[in-house]
C-alpha cells in the first residue's frame, strides 16, 4: 500500500510541475509577443518619420 502511495504522490508532483512549466512558458510567450509588437510598432514609426523627412 505504501508503494502505491509513493507512486501516486510522485505522479501528482510530476503533473503539478508540468502544469506550472506550461503556465510559465505561456506567460513568457505572451510577454515576448507584446515586446515584439512594441518593437515592430517602433520600427514602423521610425520608418514613417524617415520617409516624411526625406520629402
N, C-alpha and C. Protein backbone atom coordinates (compact mmCIF):
# COMPACT_ATOMS: atom_id res chain seq x y z
N UNK A 1 0.83 -1.20 0.00
CA UNK A 1 0.00 0.00 0.00
C UNK A 1 0.87 1.26 0.00
N UNK A 2 1.96 1.20 0.78
CA UNK A 2 2.84 2.37 0.88
C UNK A 2 3.50 2.66 -0.47
N UNK A 3 3.83 1.60 -1.22
CA UNK A 3 4.46 1.77 -2.53
C UNK A 3 3.53 2.51 -3.49
N UNK A 4 2.24 2.15 -3.48
CA UNK A 4 1.28 2.82 -4.35
C UNK A 4 1.09 4.28 -3.95
N UNK A 5 1.14 4.57 -2.66
CA UNK A 5 1.01 5.94 -2.17
C UNK A 5 2.18 6.79 -2.65
N UNK A 6 3.38 6.25 -2.60
CA UNK A 6 4.56 6.98 -3.06
C UNK A 6 4.47 7.21 -4.57
N UNK A 7 4.06 6.20 -5.32
CA UNK A 7 3.94 6.35 -6.78
C UNK A 7 2.88 7.40 -7.11
N UNK A 8 1.75 7.38 -6.40
CA UNK A 8 0.69 8.36 -6.64
C UNK A 8 1.18 9.77 -6.31
N UNK A 9 1.94 9.92 -5.23
CA UNK A 9 2.48 11.22 -4.85
C UNK A 9 3.45 11.73 -5.90
N UNK A 10 4.32 10.85 -6.42
CA UNK A 10 5.26 11.25 -7.46
C UNK A 10 4.53 11.66 -8.75
N UNK A 11 3.47 10.96 -9.09
CA UNK A 11 2.69 11.31 -10.28
C UNK A 11 2.03 12.66 -10.10
N UNK A 12 1.47 12.92 -8.92
CA UNK A 12 0.84 14.22 -8.65
C UNK A 12 1.88 15.33 -8.73
N UNK A 13 3.05 15.13 -8.14
CA UNK A 13 4.12 16.13 -8.19
C UNK A 13 4.54 16.38 -9.64
N UNK A 14 4.66 15.31 -10.42
CA UNK A 14 5.02 15.43 -11.84
C UNK A 14 3.99 16.25 -12.60
N UNK A 15 2.70 16.00 -12.35
CA UNK A 15 1.64 16.75 -13.02
C UNK A 15 1.67 18.23 -12.62
N UNK A 16 1.91 18.52 -11.35
CA UNK A 16 1.97 19.91 -10.89
C UNK A 16 3.16 20.63 -11.53
N UNK A 17 4.31 19.98 -11.59
CA UNK A 17 5.49 20.60 -12.21
C UNK A 17 5.25 20.83 -13.70
N UNK A 18 4.66 19.87 -14.39
CA UNK A 18 4.37 20.04 -15.82
C UNK A 18 3.38 21.18 -16.04
N UNK A 19 2.36 21.29 -15.19
CA UNK A 19 1.36 22.35 -15.32
C UNK A 19 2.00 23.72 -15.09
N UNK A 20 2.82 23.83 -14.04
CA UNK A 20 3.48 25.12 -13.76
C UNK A 20 4.44 25.49 -14.87
N UNK A 21 5.15 24.52 -15.41
CA UNK A 21 6.07 24.79 -16.52
C UNK A 21 5.30 25.31 -17.72
N UNK A 22 4.14 24.71 -18.01
CA UNK A 22 3.33 25.16 -19.13
C UNK A 22 2.82 26.58 -18.90
N UNK A 23 2.38 26.89 -17.69
CA UNK A 23 1.85 28.22 -17.38
C UNK A 23 2.97 29.26 -17.50
N UNK A 24 4.15 28.96 -16.95
CA UNK A 24 5.27 29.90 -17.02
C UNK A 24 5.68 30.13 -18.48
N UNK A 25 5.72 29.07 -19.28
CA UNK A 25 6.07 29.20 -20.69
C UNK A 25 5.02 30.04 -21.43
N UNK A 26 3.76 29.84 -21.13
CA UNK A 26 2.70 30.62 -21.78
C UNK A 26 2.81 32.09 -21.42
N UNK A 27 3.13 32.39 -20.16
CA UNK A 27 3.31 33.79 -19.75
C UNK A 27 4.50 34.40 -20.46
N UNK A 28 5.60 33.67 -20.56
CA UNK A 28 6.78 34.19 -21.25
C UNK A 28 6.50 34.43 -22.72
N UNK A 29 5.76 33.54 -23.37
CA UNK A 29 5.41 33.72 -24.78
C UNK A 29 4.53 34.95 -24.94
N UNK A 30 3.58 35.16 -24.04
CA UNK A 30 2.70 36.33 -24.13
C UNK A 30 3.50 37.62 -23.96
N UNK A 31 4.40 37.66 -22.97
CA UNK A 31 5.21 38.85 -22.75
C UNK A 31 6.13 39.09 -23.95
N UNK A 32 6.72 38.04 -24.48
CA UNK A 32 7.57 38.17 -25.66
C UNK A 32 6.81 38.69 -26.86
N UNK A 33 5.58 38.22 -27.05
CA UNK A 33 4.76 38.70 -28.16
C UNK A 33 4.46 40.18 -28.03
N UNK A 34 4.19 40.63 -26.80
CA UNK A 34 3.93 42.06 -26.57
C UNK A 34 5.17 42.87 -26.91
N UNK A 35 6.34 42.42 -26.46
CA UNK A 35 7.57 43.15 -26.75
C UNK A 35 7.88 43.17 -28.24
N UNK A 36 7.64 42.06 -28.94
CA UNK A 36 7.86 42.04 -30.39
C UNK A 36 6.91 43.02 -31.08
N UNK A 37 5.68 43.08 -30.63
CA UNK A 37 4.72 44.04 -31.18
C UNK A 37 5.16 45.48 -30.96
N UNK A 38 5.69 45.78 -29.77
CA UNK A 38 6.18 47.14 -29.49
C UNK A 38 7.36 47.48 -30.38
N UNK A 39 8.28 46.55 -30.57
CA UNK A 39 9.45 46.80 -31.41
C UNK A 39 9.03 47.01 -32.86
N UNK A 40 8.10 46.19 -33.36
CA UNK A 40 7.62 46.35 -34.74
C UNK A 40 6.94 47.70 -34.90
N UNK A 41 6.14 48.11 -33.93
CA UNK A 41 5.48 49.41 -33.98
C UNK A 41 6.50 50.55 -33.97
N UNK A 42 7.53 50.43 -33.15
CA UNK A 42 8.57 51.46 -33.08
C UNK A 42 9.32 51.55 -34.41
N UNK A 43 9.64 50.41 -35.01
CA UNK A 43 10.35 50.42 -36.30
C UNK A 43 9.45 51.02 -37.38
N UNK A 44 8.17 50.71 -37.36
CA UNK A 44 7.23 51.28 -38.34
C UNK A 44 7.14 52.80 -38.18
N UNK A 45 7.05 53.29 -36.95
CA UNK A 45 7.01 54.74 -36.71
C UNK A 45 8.31 55.39 -37.17
N UNK A 46 9.42 54.76 -36.88
CA UNK A 46 10.72 55.29 -37.31
C UNK A 46 10.79 55.35 -38.84
N UNK A 47 10.29 54.32 -39.51
CA UNK A 47 10.30 54.30 -40.97
C UNK A 47 9.43 55.42 -41.54
N UNK A 48 8.26 55.65 -40.94
CA UNK A 48 7.36 56.72 -41.39
C UNK A 48 8.03 58.08 -41.19
N UNK A 49 8.66 58.30 -40.04
CA UNK A 49 9.35 59.57 -39.79
C UNK A 49 10.49 59.76 -40.79
N UNK A 50 11.19 58.71 -41.12
CA UNK A 50 12.31 58.79 -42.06
C UNK A 50 11.80 59.14 -43.45
N UNK A 51 10.66 58.54 -43.85
CA UNK A 51 10.08 58.84 -45.17
C UNK A 51 9.56 60.28 -45.22
N UNK A 52 8.97 60.78 -44.16
CA UNK A 52 8.43 62.14 -44.13
C UNK A 52 9.56 63.15 -44.20
N UNK A 53 10.67 62.90 -43.51
CA UNK A 53 11.79 63.84 -43.51
C UNK A 53 12.51 63.89 -44.85
N UNK A 54 12.43 62.84 -45.66
CA UNK A 54 13.10 62.84 -46.96
C UNK A 54 12.38 63.71 -47.97
N UNK A 55 11.06 63.81 -47.88
CA UNK A 55 10.28 64.57 -48.88
C UNK A 55 10.40 66.06 -48.74
